[in-house]
């Protein structure tokens, strides 16, 4: 038991070294370069963001309004009311 306690603990270093050894194999596993993979991820992100800007229905008054992002669900008219600013509707 004492030999277990005498050994230095370095589980993270061991895991990282095995990842470094195999990094090249994983980078080429789909036949694309790292640069091509990065470009594809960036294009995918742009496409997802492009879909965020659209006309949505306000959750309070139900009227359509131009929403700039997916989480914007209350129109400016409803946000400008004193009830919204006072926290009664949120």
C-alpha atoms as a PDB file:
ATOM      1  CA  UNK A   1       0.000   0.000   0.000  1.00  0.00           C
ATOM      2  CA  UNK A   2       2.850   2.409   0.733  1.00  0.00           C
ATOM      3  CA  UNK A   3       4.126   2.124  -2.856  1.00  0.00           C
ATOM      4  CA  UNK A   4       0.753   3.445  -4.093  1.00  0.00           C
ATOM      5  CA  UNK A   5       1.086   6.477  -1.860  1.00  0.00           C
ATOM      6  CA  UNK A   6       4.688   7.083  -2.921  1.00  0.00           C
ATOM      7  CA  UNK A   7       3.859   7.344  -6.651  1.00  0.00           C
ATOM      8  CA  UNK A   8       3.220  10.842  -7.978  1.00  0.00           C
ATOM      9  CA  UNK A   9      -0.290  11.483  -9.191  1.00  0.00           C
ATOM     10  CA  UNK A  10      -0.561  12.878 -12.692  1.00  0.00           C
ATOM     11  CA  UNK A  11      -3.740  11.567 -14.302  1.00  0.00           C
ATOM     12  CA  UNK A  12      -4.274  14.727 -16.353  1.00  0.00           C
ATOM     13  CA  UNK A  13      -0.773  14.715 -17.816  1.00  0.00           C
ATOM     14  CA  UNK A  14      -1.166  11.088 -18.884  1.00  0.00           C
ATOM     15  CA  UNK A  15      -4.508  11.759 -20.568  1.00  0.00           C
ATOM     16  CA  UNK A  16      -3.222  14.831 -22.383  1.00  0.00           C
ATOM     17  CA  UNK A  17      -0.141  13.039 -23.674  1.00  0.00           C
ATOM     18  CA  UNK A  18      -2.272  10.278 -25.211  1.00  0.00           C
ATOM     19  CA  UNK A  19      -4.450  12.916 -26.889  1.00  0.00           C
ATOM     20  CA  UNK A  20      -1.403  14.646 -28.311  1.00  0.00           C
ATOM     21  CA  UNK A  21      -0.083  11.341 -29.691  1.00  0.00           C
ATOM     22  CA  UNK A  22      -3.348  10.675 -31.555  1.00  0.00           C
ATOM     23  CA  UNK A  23      -4.189  14.229 -32.631  1.00  0.00           C
ATOM     24  CA  UNK A  24      -2.895  13.822 -36.179  1.00  0.00           C
ATOM     25  CA  UNK A  25      -4.885  10.645 -36.724  1.00  0.00           C
ATOM     26  CA  UNK A  26      -8.112  12.329 -35.675  1.00  0.00           C
ATOM     27  CA  UNK A  27      -7.508  15.459 -37.759  1.00  0.00           C
ATOM     28  CA  UNK A  28      -7.436  13.444 -40.976  1.00  0.00           C
ATOM     29  CA  UNK A  29     -10.127  10.908 -40.131  1.00  0.00           C
ATOM     30  CA  UNK A  30     -12.601  12.386 -42.627  1.00  0.00           C
ATOM     31  CA  UNK A  31     -10.150  13.303 -45.337  1.00  0.00           C
ATOM     32  CA  UNK A  32     -10.391  17.064 -44.742  1.00  0.00           C
ATOM     33  CA  UNK A  33      -7.718  19.408 -43.581  1.00  0.00           C
ATOM     34  CA  UNK A  34      -8.037  21.385 -40.377  1.00  0.00           C
ATOM     35  CA  UNK A  35      -8.498  24.569 -42.415  1.00  0.00           C
ATOM     36  CA  UNK A  36     -11.322  23.012 -44.463  1.00  0.00           C
ATOM     37  CA  UNK A  37     -13.015  21.783 -41.292  1.00  0.00           C
ATOM     38  CA  UNK A  38     -12.790  25.237 -39.726  1.00  0.00           C
ATOM     39  CA  UNK A  39     -14.239  26.871 -42.835  1.00  0.00           C
ATOM     40  CA  UNK A  40     -17.143  24.404 -42.842  1.00  0.00           C
ATOM     41  CA  UNK A  41     -17.871  25.120 -39.146  1.00  0.00           C
ATOM     42  CA  UNK A  42     -17.795  28.877 -39.756  1.00  0.00           C
ATOM     43  CA  UNK A  43     -20.152  28.562 -42.744  1.00  0.00           C
ATOM     44  CA  UNK A  44     -22.517  26.413 -40.701  1.00  0.00           C
ATOM     45  CA  UNK A  45     -22.507  29.043 -37.937  1.00  0.00           C
ATOM     46  CA  UNK A  46     -23.259  31.809 -40.439  1.00  0.00           C
ATOM     47  CA  UNK A  47     -26.185  29.854 -41.859  1.00  0.00           C
ATOM     48  CA  UNK A  48     -27.599  29.278 -38.375  1.00  0.00           C
ATOM     49  CA  UNK A  49     -27.305  32.984 -37.530  1.00  0.00           C
ATOM     50  CA  UNK A  50     -28.872  34.002 -40.833  1.00  0.00           C
ATOM     51  CA  UNK A  51     -31.986  32.087 -39.847  1.00  0.00           C
ATOM     52  CA  UNK A  52     -32.344  34.017 -36.617  1.00  0.00           C
ATOM     53  CA  UNK A  53     -33.505  37.292 -38.178  1.00  0.00           C
ATOM     54  CA  UNK A  54     -37.134  36.900 -39.145  1.00  0.00           C
ATOM     55  CA  UNK A  55     -40.672  38.013 -38.481  1.00  0.00           C
ATOM     56  CA  UNK A  56     -42.083  36.544 -35.274  1.00  0.00           C
ATOM     57  CA  UNK A  57     -45.344  36.949 -33.367  1.00  0.00           C
ATOM     58  CA  UNK A  58     -45.118  38.889 -30.121  1.00  0.00           C
ATOM     59  CA  UNK A  59     -45.867  36.678 -27.118  1.00  0.00           C
ATOM     60  CA  UNK A  60     -47.967  39.437 -25.518  1.00  0.00           C
ATOM     61  CA  UNK A  61     -49.986  41.126 -28.269  1.00  0.00           C
ATOM     62  CA  UNK A  62     -49.566  38.374 -30.920  1.00  0.00           C
ATOM     63  CA  UNK A  63     -48.816  40.904 -33.672  1.00  0.00           C
ATOM     64  CA  UNK A  64     -45.953  40.151 -36.096  1.00  0.00           C
ATOM     65  CA  UNK A  65     -42.724  42.111 -35.607  1.00  0.00           C
ATOM     66  CA  UNK A  66     -39.168  41.971 -37.042  1.00  0.00           C
ATOM     67  CA  UNK A  67     -37.111  39.926 -34.572  1.00  0.00           C
ATOM     68  CA  UNK A  68     -33.333  40.364 -34.691  1.00  0.00           C
ATOM     69  CA  UNK A  69     -32.483  37.097 -32.917  1.00  0.00           C
ATOM     70  CA  UNK A  70     -34.149  33.850 -31.822  1.00  0.00           C
ATOM     71  CA  UNK A  71     -34.681  34.966 -28.213  1.00  0.00           C
ATOM     72  CA  UNK A  72     -36.403  38.240 -29.078  1.00  0.00           C
ATOM     73  CA  UNK A  73     -40.082  37.356 -28.671  1.00  0.00           C
ATOM     74  CA  UNK A  74     -41.638  40.627 -27.373  1.00  0.00           C
ATOM     75  CA  UNK A  75     -42.215  43.508 -29.806  1.00  0.00           C
ATOM     76  CA  UNK A  76     -40.919  47.031 -29.157  1.00  0.00           C
ATOM     77  CA  UNK A  77     -44.416  48.393 -28.657  1.00  0.00           C
ATOM     78  CA  UNK A  78     -45.097  45.944 -25.798  1.00  0.00           C
ATOM     79  CA  UNK A  79     -41.634  46.511 -24.313  1.00  0.00           C
ATOM     80  CA  UNK A  80     -42.320  50.256 -24.212  1.00  0.00           C
ATOM     81  CA  UNK A  81     -45.390  49.854 -21.954  1.00  0.00           C
ATOM     82  CA  UNK A  82     -45.132  50.732 -18.294  1.00  0.00           C
ATOM     83  CA  UNK A  83     -46.409  47.251 -17.383  1.00  0.00           C
ATOM     84  CA  UNK A  84     -43.432  45.636 -19.160  1.00  0.00           C
ATOM     85  CA  UNK A  85     -40.898  48.095 -17.749  1.00  0.00           C
ATOM     86  CA  UNK A  86     -42.368  47.632 -14.273  1.00  0.00           C
ATOM     87  CA  UNK A  87     -41.958  43.862 -14.481  1.00  0.00           C
ATOM     88  CA  UNK A  88     -45.668  43.006 -14.415  1.00  0.00           C
ATOM     89  CA  UNK A  89     -45.503  41.132 -17.730  1.00  0.00           C
ATOM     90  CA  UNK A  90     -42.105  39.467 -17.414  1.00  0.00           C
END
